[in-house]
Amino acid sequence: MTLWFLWETGCDYCADAKPALEEFRTRHPEVEVISHDLTVEDWREDAPVLGPESVPAYVLVNGRLTRTLQSRGALTTDELEHWVFGPG
């Protein structure tokens, strides 16, 4: 399972999301976490493939299943866990 975190330099919400993402990474070493700073060129090339229209965004790839979450702000670690693993 791979979790992509898509962000952009200068995005305050993105910066606010990074500590929770690092805590998630520590709690769940079984999940590969990739953090990617999107440039204008990336948006033109990658965003249509990955799905998000704004940042911060999370893309979960689990085999053939892909889910995308565009956040209106920073997620807490617990919210991120709930989105990745479901309630439990």
N, C-alpha and C. Protein backbone atom coordinates (compact mmCIF):
# COMPACT_ATOMS: atom_id res chain seq x y z
N MET A 1 0.85 -1.17 0.00
CA MET A 1 0.00 0.00 0.00
C MET A 1 0.90 1.23 0.00
N THR A 2 0.54 2.21 -0.83
CA THR A 2 1.31 3.44 -0.94
C THR A 2 0.40 4.63 -0.75
N LEU A 3 0.83 5.57 0.08
CA LEU A 3 0.10 6.81 0.30
C LEU A 3 0.93 7.96 -0.25
N TRP A 4 0.40 8.63 -1.26
CA TRP A 4 1.04 9.81 -1.83
C TRP A 4 0.46 11.03 -1.14
N PHE A 5 1.34 11.93 -0.70
CA PHE A 5 0.93 13.22 -0.15
C PHE A 5 1.40 14.27 -1.14
N LEU A 6 0.45 14.96 -1.75
CA LEU A 6 0.76 15.96 -2.77
C LEU A 6 0.58 17.35 -2.17
N TRP A 7 1.61 18.16 -2.30
CA TRP A 7 1.60 19.48 -1.69
C TRP A 7 2.30 20.47 -2.60
N GLU A 8 2.27 21.73 -2.20
CA GLU A 8 2.87 22.77 -3.01
C GLU A 8 3.60 23.74 -2.08
N THR A 9 4.78 24.15 -2.46
CA THR A 9 5.55 25.13 -1.70
C THR A 9 4.71 26.40 -1.54
N GLY A 10 4.67 26.91 -0.32
CA GLY A 10 3.91 28.12 -0.04
C GLY A 10 2.48 27.88 0.40
N CYS A 11 2.04 26.64 0.39
CA CYS A 11 0.68 26.29 0.82
C CYS A 11 0.68 26.09 2.33
N ASP A 12 -0.01 26.98 3.06
CA ASP A 12 -0.05 26.87 4.52
C ASP A 12 -0.74 25.60 5.00
N TYR A 13 -1.84 25.21 4.34
CA TYR A 13 -2.53 23.98 4.71
C TYR A 13 -1.61 22.76 4.53
N CYS A 14 -0.81 22.80 3.48
CA CYS A 14 0.12 21.70 3.22
C CYS A 14 1.16 21.61 4.33
N ALA A 15 1.70 22.75 4.71
CA ALA A 15 2.69 22.78 5.79
C ALA A 15 2.08 22.28 7.10
N ASP A 16 0.83 22.67 7.36
CA ASP A 16 0.15 22.23 8.58
C ASP A 16 -0.09 20.72 8.59
N ALA A 17 -0.22 20.11 7.42
CA ALA A 17 -0.51 18.68 7.31
C ALA A 17 0.73 17.80 7.53
N LYS A 18 1.91 18.34 7.33
CA LYS A 18 3.13 17.52 7.36
C LYS A 18 3.41 16.85 8.70
N PRO A 19 3.22 17.50 9.87
CA PRO A 19 3.49 16.79 11.13
C PRO A 19 2.62 15.55 11.32
N ALA A 20 1.34 15.64 10.98
CA ALA A 20 0.45 14.47 11.11
C ALA A 20 0.87 13.37 10.16
N LEU A 21 1.33 13.75 8.98
CA LEU A 21 1.79 12.77 8.00
C LEU A 21 3.03 12.04 8.53
N GLU A 22 3.93 12.77 9.15
CA GLU A 22 5.14 12.15 9.71
C GLU A 22 4.78 11.22 10.87
N GLU A 23 3.81 11.61 11.69
CA GLU A 23 3.36 10.74 12.77
C GLU A 23 2.71 9.48 12.20
N PHE A 24 1.91 9.62 11.14
CA PHE A 24 1.31 8.48 10.47
C PHE A 24 2.41 7.54 9.97
N ARG A 25 3.43 8.10 9.36
CA ARG A 25 4.55 7.30 8.82
C ARG A 25 5.23 6.51 9.95
N THR A 26 5.39 7.12 11.11
CA THR A 26 6.01 6.45 12.26
C THR A 26 5.12 5.33 12.78
N ARG A 27 3.83 5.59 12.87
CA ARG A 27 2.88 4.59 13.38
C ARG A 27 2.68 3.41 12.43
N HIS A 28 2.83 3.66 11.12
CA HIS A 28 2.48 2.65 10.12
C HIS A 28 3.61 2.46 9.11
N PRO A 29 4.70 1.86 9.53
CA PRO A 29 5.82 1.65 8.60
C PRO A 29 5.47 0.69 7.46
N GLU A 30 4.36 -0.03 7.59
CA GLU A 30 3.94 -0.95 6.53
C GLU A 30 3.36 -0.20 5.32
N VAL A 31 3.05 1.08 5.50
CA VAL A 31 2.52 1.90 4.41
C VAL A 31 3.66 2.76 3.86
N GLU A 32 3.92 2.62 2.58
CA GLU A 32 4.93 3.48 1.95
C GLU A 32 4.32 4.87 1.77
N VAL A 33 4.98 5.88 2.32
CA VAL A 33 4.50 7.25 2.21
C VAL A 33 5.44 8.02 1.30
N ILE A 34 4.86 8.61 0.26
CA ILE A 34 5.64 9.41 -0.68
C ILE A 34 5.10 10.84 -0.63
N SER A 35 5.97 11.77 -0.33
CA SER A 35 5.60 13.18 -0.27
C SER A 35 6.15 13.86 -1.51
N HIS A 36 5.27 14.57 -2.24
CA HIS A 36 5.69 15.15 -3.52
C HIS A 36 5.24 16.60 -3.63
N ASP A 37 6.20 17.50 -3.82
CA ASP A 37 5.93 18.92 -4.04
C ASP A 37 5.60 19.11 -5.51
N LEU A 38 4.38 19.53 -5.77
CA LEU A 38 3.93 19.70 -7.16
C LEU A 38 4.32 21.08 -7.69
N THR A 39 4.90 21.09 -8.85
CA THR A 39 5.19 22.34 -9.56
C THR A 39 4.11 22.56 -10.61
N VAL A 40 4.14 23.69 -11.27
CA VAL A 40 3.16 23.96 -12.33
C VAL A 40 3.25 22.88 -13.41
N GLU A 41 4.47 22.48 -13.75
CA GLU A 41 4.65 21.44 -14.77
C GLU A 41 4.04 20.11 -14.30
N ASP A 42 4.22 19.80 -13.01
CA ASP A 42 3.64 18.57 -12.46
C ASP A 42 2.12 18.58 -12.60
N TRP A 43 1.51 19.74 -12.32
CA TRP A 43 0.05 19.82 -12.40
C TRP A 43 -0.42 19.51 -13.81
N ARG A 44 0.31 20.03 -14.78
CA ARG A 44 -0.09 19.78 -16.17
C ARG A 44 0.06 18.31 -16.54
N GLU A 45 1.12 17.67 -16.05
CA GLU A 45 1.42 16.30 -16.45
C GLU A 45 0.78 15.25 -15.54
N ASP A 46 0.90 15.43 -14.20
CA ASP A 46 0.54 14.38 -13.26
C ASP A 46 -0.86 14.49 -12.68
N ALA A 47 -1.33 15.70 -12.44
CA ALA A 47 -2.61 15.85 -11.76
C ALA A 47 -3.76 15.16 -12.48
N PRO A 48 -3.84 15.25 -13.82
CA PRO A 48 -4.95 14.53 -14.47
C PRO A 48 -4.90 13.03 -14.24
N VAL A 49 -3.72 12.48 -14.09
CA VAL A 49 -3.57 11.04 -13.85
C VAL A 49 -3.87 10.70 -12.40
N LEU A 50 -3.36 11.51 -11.46
CA LEU A 50 -3.52 11.23 -10.04
C LEU A 50 -4.90 11.61 -9.52
N GLY A 51 -5.53 12.62 -10.11
CA GLY A 51 -6.90 12.95 -9.74
C GLY A 51 -7.13 14.24 -8.99
N PRO A 52 -6.23 14.73 -8.15
CA PRO A 52 -6.56 15.92 -7.37
C PRO A 52 -6.57 17.19 -8.21
N GLU A 53 -7.39 18.12 -7.74
CA GLU A 53 -7.47 19.43 -8.40
C GLU A 53 -6.87 20.53 -7.54
N SER A 54 -6.57 20.22 -6.28
CA SER A 54 -5.97 21.19 -5.38
C SER A 54 -5.14 20.45 -4.34
N VAL A 55 -4.36 21.19 -3.59
CA VAL A 55 -3.54 20.62 -2.52
C VAL A 55 -3.94 21.25 -1.19
N PRO A 56 -3.69 20.56 -0.08
CA PRO A 56 -3.07 19.26 0.01
C PRO A 56 -4.02 18.16 -0.47
N ALA A 57 -3.42 17.11 -0.99
CA ALA A 57 -4.21 15.98 -1.46
C ALA A 57 -3.49 14.69 -1.08
N TYR A 58 -4.28 13.67 -0.87
CA TYR A 58 -3.76 12.35 -0.53
C TYR A 58 -4.27 11.37 -1.58
N VAL A 59 -3.39 10.51 -2.06
CA VAL A 59 -3.77 9.49 -3.03
C VAL A 59 -3.31 8.15 -2.45
N LEU A 60 -4.25 7.26 -2.23
CA LEU A 60 -3.96 5.95 -1.68
C LEU A 60 -4.00 4.92 -2.79
N VAL A 61 -2.91 4.21 -2.98
CA VAL A 61 -2.82 3.18 -4.00
C VAL A 61 -2.63 1.84 -3.29
N ASN A 62 -3.59 0.96 -3.51
CA ASN A 62 -3.55 -0.36 -2.89
C ASN A 62 -3.87 -1.38 -3.98
N GLY A 63 -2.81 -1.87 -4.62
CA GLY A 63 -3.03 -2.75 -5.77
C GLY A 63 -3.62 -1.95 -6.91
N ARG A 64 -4.77 -2.37 -7.38
CA ARG A 64 -5.43 -1.65 -8.47
C ARG A 64 -6.39 -0.58 -7.96
N LEU A 65 -6.67 -0.59 -6.68
CA LEU A 65 -7.59 0.37 -6.10
C LEU A 65 -6.86 1.67 -5.79
N THR A 66 -7.40 2.76 -6.27
CA THR A 66 -6.83 4.08 -5.99
C THR A 66 -7.94 4.98 -5.46
N ARG A 67 -7.66 5.65 -4.35
CA ARG A 67 -8.60 6.62 -3.80
C ARG A 67 -7.89 7.95 -3.63
N THR A 68 -8.62 9.03 -3.86
CA THR A 68 -8.05 10.36 -3.73
C THR A 68 -8.87 11.16 -2.73
N LEU A 69 -8.18 11.88 -1.86
CA LEU A 69 -8.82 12.76 -0.90
C LEU A 69 -8.19 14.14 -1.03
N GLN A 70 -9.02 15.12 -1.33
CA GLN A 70 -8.57 16.50 -1.33
C GLN A 70 -9.04 17.11 -0.04
N SER A 71 -8.13 17.62 0.74
CA SER A 71 -8.45 18.14 2.05
C SER A 71 -8.63 19.65 2.00
N ARG A 72 -9.60 20.14 2.72
CA ARG A 72 -9.81 21.59 2.82
C ARG A 72 -8.91 22.19 3.90
N GLY A 73 -8.09 21.36 4.48
CA GLY A 73 -7.16 21.77 5.52
C GLY A 73 -6.35 20.57 5.93
N ALA A 74 -5.57 20.72 6.96
CA ALA A 74 -4.70 19.64 7.42
C ALA A 74 -5.52 18.57 8.13
N LEU A 75 -5.25 17.31 7.81
CA LEU A 75 -5.86 16.19 8.53
C LEU A 75 -5.03 15.88 9.76
N THR A 76 -5.68 15.45 10.83
CA THR A 76 -4.95 14.93 11.98
C THR A 76 -4.48 13.51 11.65
N THR A 77 -3.61 12.99 12.45
CA THR A 77 -3.15 11.62 12.24
C THR A 77 -4.32 10.64 12.34
N ASP A 78 -5.20 10.85 13.32
CA ASP A 78 -6.36 9.97 13.48
C ASP A 78 -7.28 10.02 12.27
N GLU A 79 -7.51 11.21 11.72
CA GLU A 79 -8.35 11.34 10.53
C GLU A 79 -7.72 10.63 9.33
N LEU A 80 -6.41 10.76 9.22
CA LEU A 80 -5.69 10.11 8.13
C LEU A 80 -5.78 8.59 8.27
N GLU A 81 -5.59 8.08 9.49
CA GLU A 81 -5.72 6.64 9.73
C GLU A 81 -7.12 6.15 9.38
N HIS A 82 -8.13 6.89 9.76
CA HIS A 82 -9.51 6.52 9.48
C HIS A 82 -9.75 6.45 7.96
N TRP A 83 -9.21 7.42 7.23
CA TRP A 83 -9.38 7.43 5.78
C TRP A 83 -8.65 6.25 5.12
N VAL A 84 -7.44 5.96 5.59
CA VAL A 84 -6.64 4.88 4.98
C VAL A 84 -7.19 3.51 5.36
N PHE A 85 -7.47 3.30 6.63
CA PHE A 85 -7.81 1.96 7.12
C PHE A 85 -9.30 1.74 7.38
N GLY A 86 -10.09 2.81 7.39
CA GLY A 86 -11.50 2.69 7.70
C GLY A 86 -11.71 2.73 9.21
N PRO A 87 -12.97 2.70 9.64
CA PRO A 87 -13.26 2.75 11.08
C PRO A 87 -12.76 1.48 11.77
N GLY A 88 -12.31 1.66 12.96
CA GLY A 88 -11.89 0.45 13.65
C GLY A 88 -11.07 0.74 14.80
